[in-house]
Amino acid sequence: MTYYAYFASHAPLSTESIGYQPIRENVYASELDFTGLWFEENMDEETLKRFYFSKHVRLRYQTRCTSNYLPIEGNYRFNNPFSQKISNLLFDYIMKALEDSPVVMYYISLDGHEDEEFATFKTIHLSEIQTHEDLHINDRECLRIIRDDPILDYLEDESGFIYVKHPEYLQGQMKK
């Protein structure tokens, strides 16, 4: 069975492949250069409508990717350059997503098991993440990563809209 890493956001997520380093088209210097991530968007190609990879994550924009080297806590190999590369790529992907969205959801699941309940659901702030290793999770674990903002507290409803807990902080900005 195949594990997938899933991402969800309020803003569009990149679907560009990352990590692959060809020396020319379809030619790689090493197997490590051929190791990377490609992303699948939550868009039905026939109907051009979005769908949810999991019934538990309702944010509009979602992607998923897979690799034999996903940093699943029980399987991660610290001395393996392939595992380290994939772990760093996932870290960079999430950091980039947090530039555009105040919240990013990240979870890992076996293909076909996305709708099962999460074993663990944890909310963390961006400031709590120091290295790529802080994002190592197990199967059926979900991280809700919130961008640090000293003024705003974000809340989510099931539709994925953001509500501000303290709207008085936005009074000057809402008249645009």
Protein backbone atom coordinates (compact mmCIF):
# COMPACT_ATOMS: atom_id res chain seq x y z
CA MET A 1 0.00 0.00 0.00
CA THR A 2 1.08 3.55 -0.66
CA TYR A 3 1.33 6.36 1.88
CA TYR A 4 0.40 9.87 0.80
CA ALA A 5 1.19 13.19 2.43
CA TYR A 6 -1.82 15.53 2.21
CA PHE A 7 -1.91 19.32 2.44
CA ALA A 8 -4.86 21.71 2.69
CA SER A 9 -4.92 25.48 2.70
CA HIS A 10 -7.09 28.57 2.34
CA ALA A 11 -4.93 29.72 -0.59
CA PRO A 12 -4.01 27.82 -3.74
CA LEU A 13 -1.19 25.32 -3.23
CA SER A 14 1.61 24.75 -5.69
CA THR A 15 1.31 21.66 -7.86
CA GLU A 16 4.77 22.03 -9.39
CA SER A 17 7.15 19.12 -8.91
CA ILE A 18 10.01 19.86 -6.54
CA GLY A 19 13.39 18.33 -5.81
CA TYR A 20 14.13 16.76 -9.17
CA GLN A 21 17.49 17.93 -10.53
CA PRO A 22 18.04 16.74 -14.10
CA ILE A 23 21.28 17.62 -15.84
CA ARG A 24 19.21 17.74 -19.05
CA GLU A 25 15.70 16.58 -19.94
CA ASN A 26 15.05 13.15 -18.38
CA VAL A 27 18.74 12.65 -17.52
CA TYR A 28 19.88 12.63 -13.91
CA ALA A 29 23.40 12.44 -12.49
CA SER A 30 22.34 10.22 -9.59
CA GLU A 31 19.37 8.48 -8.04
CA LEU A 32 19.25 11.22 -5.39
CA ASP A 33 18.83 13.85 -8.14
CA PHE A 34 15.91 11.75 -9.46
CA THR A 35 14.23 11.85 -6.02
CA GLY A 36 11.57 14.50 -5.54
CA LEU A 37 7.87 15.14 -5.11
CA TRP A 38 5.08 15.71 -7.60
CA PHE A 39 1.72 16.98 -6.40
CA GLU A 40 -1.80 16.02 -7.29
CA GLU A 41 -4.50 18.67 -6.89
CA ASN A 42 -8.03 18.05 -5.59
CA MET A 43 -9.60 18.82 -8.95
CA ASP A 44 -11.74 16.38 -10.88
CA GLU A 45 -10.45 16.59 -14.46
CA GLU A 46 -13.80 15.72 -16.02
CA THR A 47 -16.09 18.04 -14.05
CA LEU A 48 -13.42 20.64 -13.14
CA LYS A 49 -14.82 20.68 -9.61
CA ARG A 50 -12.88 20.41 -6.39
CA PHE A 51 -13.28 17.47 -4.06
CA TYR A 52 -11.95 16.71 -0.59
CA PHE A 53 -9.29 14.03 -0.21
CA SER A 54 -10.65 13.41 3.30
CA LYS A 55 -14.06 14.13 4.78
CA HIS A 56 -12.21 15.45 7.87
CA VAL A 57 -10.41 18.29 6.07
CA ARG A 58 -12.70 20.82 4.44
CA LEU A 59 -10.32 23.52 3.21
CA ARG A 60 -10.84 24.42 -0.45
CA TYR A 61 -7.32 23.94 -1.77
CA GLN A 62 -5.72 20.54 -1.31
CA THR A 63 -2.83 18.57 -2.74
CA ARG A 64 -1.21 15.25 -2.08
CA CYS A 65 2.11 13.62 -2.90
CA THR A 66 3.83 10.34 -2.30
CA SER A 67 7.36 9.04 -1.92
CA ASN A 68 9.00 5.90 -0.63
CA TYR A 69 10.85 8.21 1.74
CA LEU A 70 7.99 10.10 3.46
CA PRO A 71 9.13 11.08 6.96
CA ILE A 72 6.75 8.83 8.86
CA GLU A 73 8.12 8.70 12.40
CA GLY A 74 8.47 4.93 12.58
CA ASN A 75 10.10 4.62 9.13
CA TYR A 76 12.30 7.70 8.90
CA ARG A 77 15.99 6.97 8.49
CA PHE A 78 18.19 9.86 9.70
CA ASN A 79 21.31 8.73 7.85
CA ASN A 80 19.49 8.10 4.58
CA PRO A 81 20.03 11.02 2.15
CA PHE A 82 16.77 10.18 0.31
CA SER A 83 14.71 10.43 3.52
CA GLN A 84 16.42 13.67 4.48
CA LYS A 85 15.84 15.19 1.05
CA ILE A 86 12.11 14.36 1.08
CA SER A 87 11.76 15.61 4.65
CA ASN A 88 13.38 18.92 3.69
CA LEU A 89 11.22 19.23 0.56
CA LEU A 90 8.03 18.74 2.61
CA PHE A 91 9.25 21.30 5.14
CA ASP A 92 9.95 23.86 2.37
CA TYR A 93 6.57 23.15 0.75
CA ILE A 94 4.68 23.78 4.00
CA MET A 95 6.69 26.94 4.78
CA LYS A 96 5.90 28.29 1.30
CA ALA A 97 2.19 27.45 1.72
CA LEU A 98 2.12 29.35 5.02
CA GLU A 99 3.27 32.50 3.24
CA ASP A 100 -0.10 32.65 1.46
CA SER A 101 -2.44 31.01 3.97
CA PRO A 102 -2.79 31.55 7.72
CA VAL A 103 -3.48 27.82 8.21
CA VAL A 104 -2.08 24.71 6.55
CA MET A 105 -3.29 21.22 7.34
CA TYR A 106 -0.80 18.38 6.93
CA TYR A 107 -1.48 14.68 7.41
CA ILE A 108 -0.27 11.30 6.22
CA SER A 109 -2.49 8.37 5.34
CA LEU A 110 -2.44 5.12 3.47
CA ASP A 111 -4.18 5.46 0.12
CA GLY A 112 -7.85 4.60 0.57
CA HIS A 113 -7.84 5.30 4.33
CA GLU A 114 -8.13 9.11 4.17
CA ASP A 115 -11.68 9.15 5.56
CA GLU A 116 -10.83 7.22 8.70
CA GLU A 117 -10.64 9.23 11.92
CA PHE A 118 -7.28 10.80 12.68
CA ALA A 119 -5.36 9.00 15.41
CA THR A 120 -3.97 12.37 16.52
CA PHE A 121 -4.99 15.91 15.65
CA LYS A 122 -2.66 18.63 16.85
CA THR A 123 -2.59 22.41 16.35
CA ILE A 124 0.84 24.03 16.33
CA HIS A 125 2.12 27.51 15.59
CA LEU A 126 4.77 28.17 13.00
CA SER A 127 7.14 29.39 15.72
CA GLU A 128 7.08 25.90 17.25
CA ILE A 129 8.64 24.43 14.10
CA GLN A 130 12.42 24.69 14.19
CA THR A 131 13.52 22.01 11.71
CA HIS A 132 12.07 19.62 9.16
CA GLU A 133 12.09 16.93 11.87
CA ASP A 134 9.37 18.79 13.76
CA LEU A 135 7.01 17.81 10.94
CA HIS A 136 7.59 14.06 11.21
CA ILE A 137 4.25 12.43 11.95
CA ASN A 138 2.80 8.95 11.84
CA ASP A 139 0.06 7.48 9.71
CA ARG A 140 -3.36 9.04 10.51
CA GLU A 141 -1.81 11.99 12.35
CA CYS A 142 -2.82 15.50 11.37
CA LEU A 143 -1.07 18.79 12.06
CA ARG A 144 -2.94 22.07 11.82
CA ILE A 145 -0.14 24.59 11.42
CA ILE A 146 -1.03 28.21 12.11
CA ARG A 147 1.06 31.10 10.89
CA ASP A 148 2.25 33.24 13.78
CA ASP A 149 0.42 36.51 14.02
CA PRO A 150 0.51 38.38 17.33
CA ILE A 151 -2.73 40.24 16.61
CA LEU A 152 -5.12 37.74 15.09
CA ASP A 153 -6.51 34.46 16.31
CA TYR A 154 -7.87 32.41 13.44
CA LEU A 155 -10.80 30.08 13.70
CA GLU A 156 -12.10 27.78 10.98
CA ASP A 157 -15.55 26.57 10.20
CA GLU A 158 -16.32 23.49 8.11
CA SER A 159 -16.49 25.47 4.87
CA GLY A 160 -12.90 26.63 5.29
CA PHE A 161 -13.61 30.32 5.79
CA ILE A 162 -11.55 32.20 8.32
CA TYR A 163 -13.25 34.13 11.05
CA VAL A 164 -11.37 36.58 13.17
CA LYS A 165 -11.82 36.14 16.88
CA HIS A 166 -11.03 39.79 17.57
CA PRO A 167 -12.50 41.84 14.67
CA GLU A 168 -11.74 45.12 16.44
CA TYR A 169 -8.13 44.74 15.24
CA LEU A 170 -9.31 44.92 11.63
CA GLN A 171 -11.52 48.01 11.80
CA GLY A 172 -9.10 50.17 9.84
CA GLN A 173 -8.34 47.48 7.26
CA MET A 174 -11.93 46.45 6.44
CA LYS A 175 -12.82 49.67 4.55
CA LYS A 176 -10.82 48.74 1.43
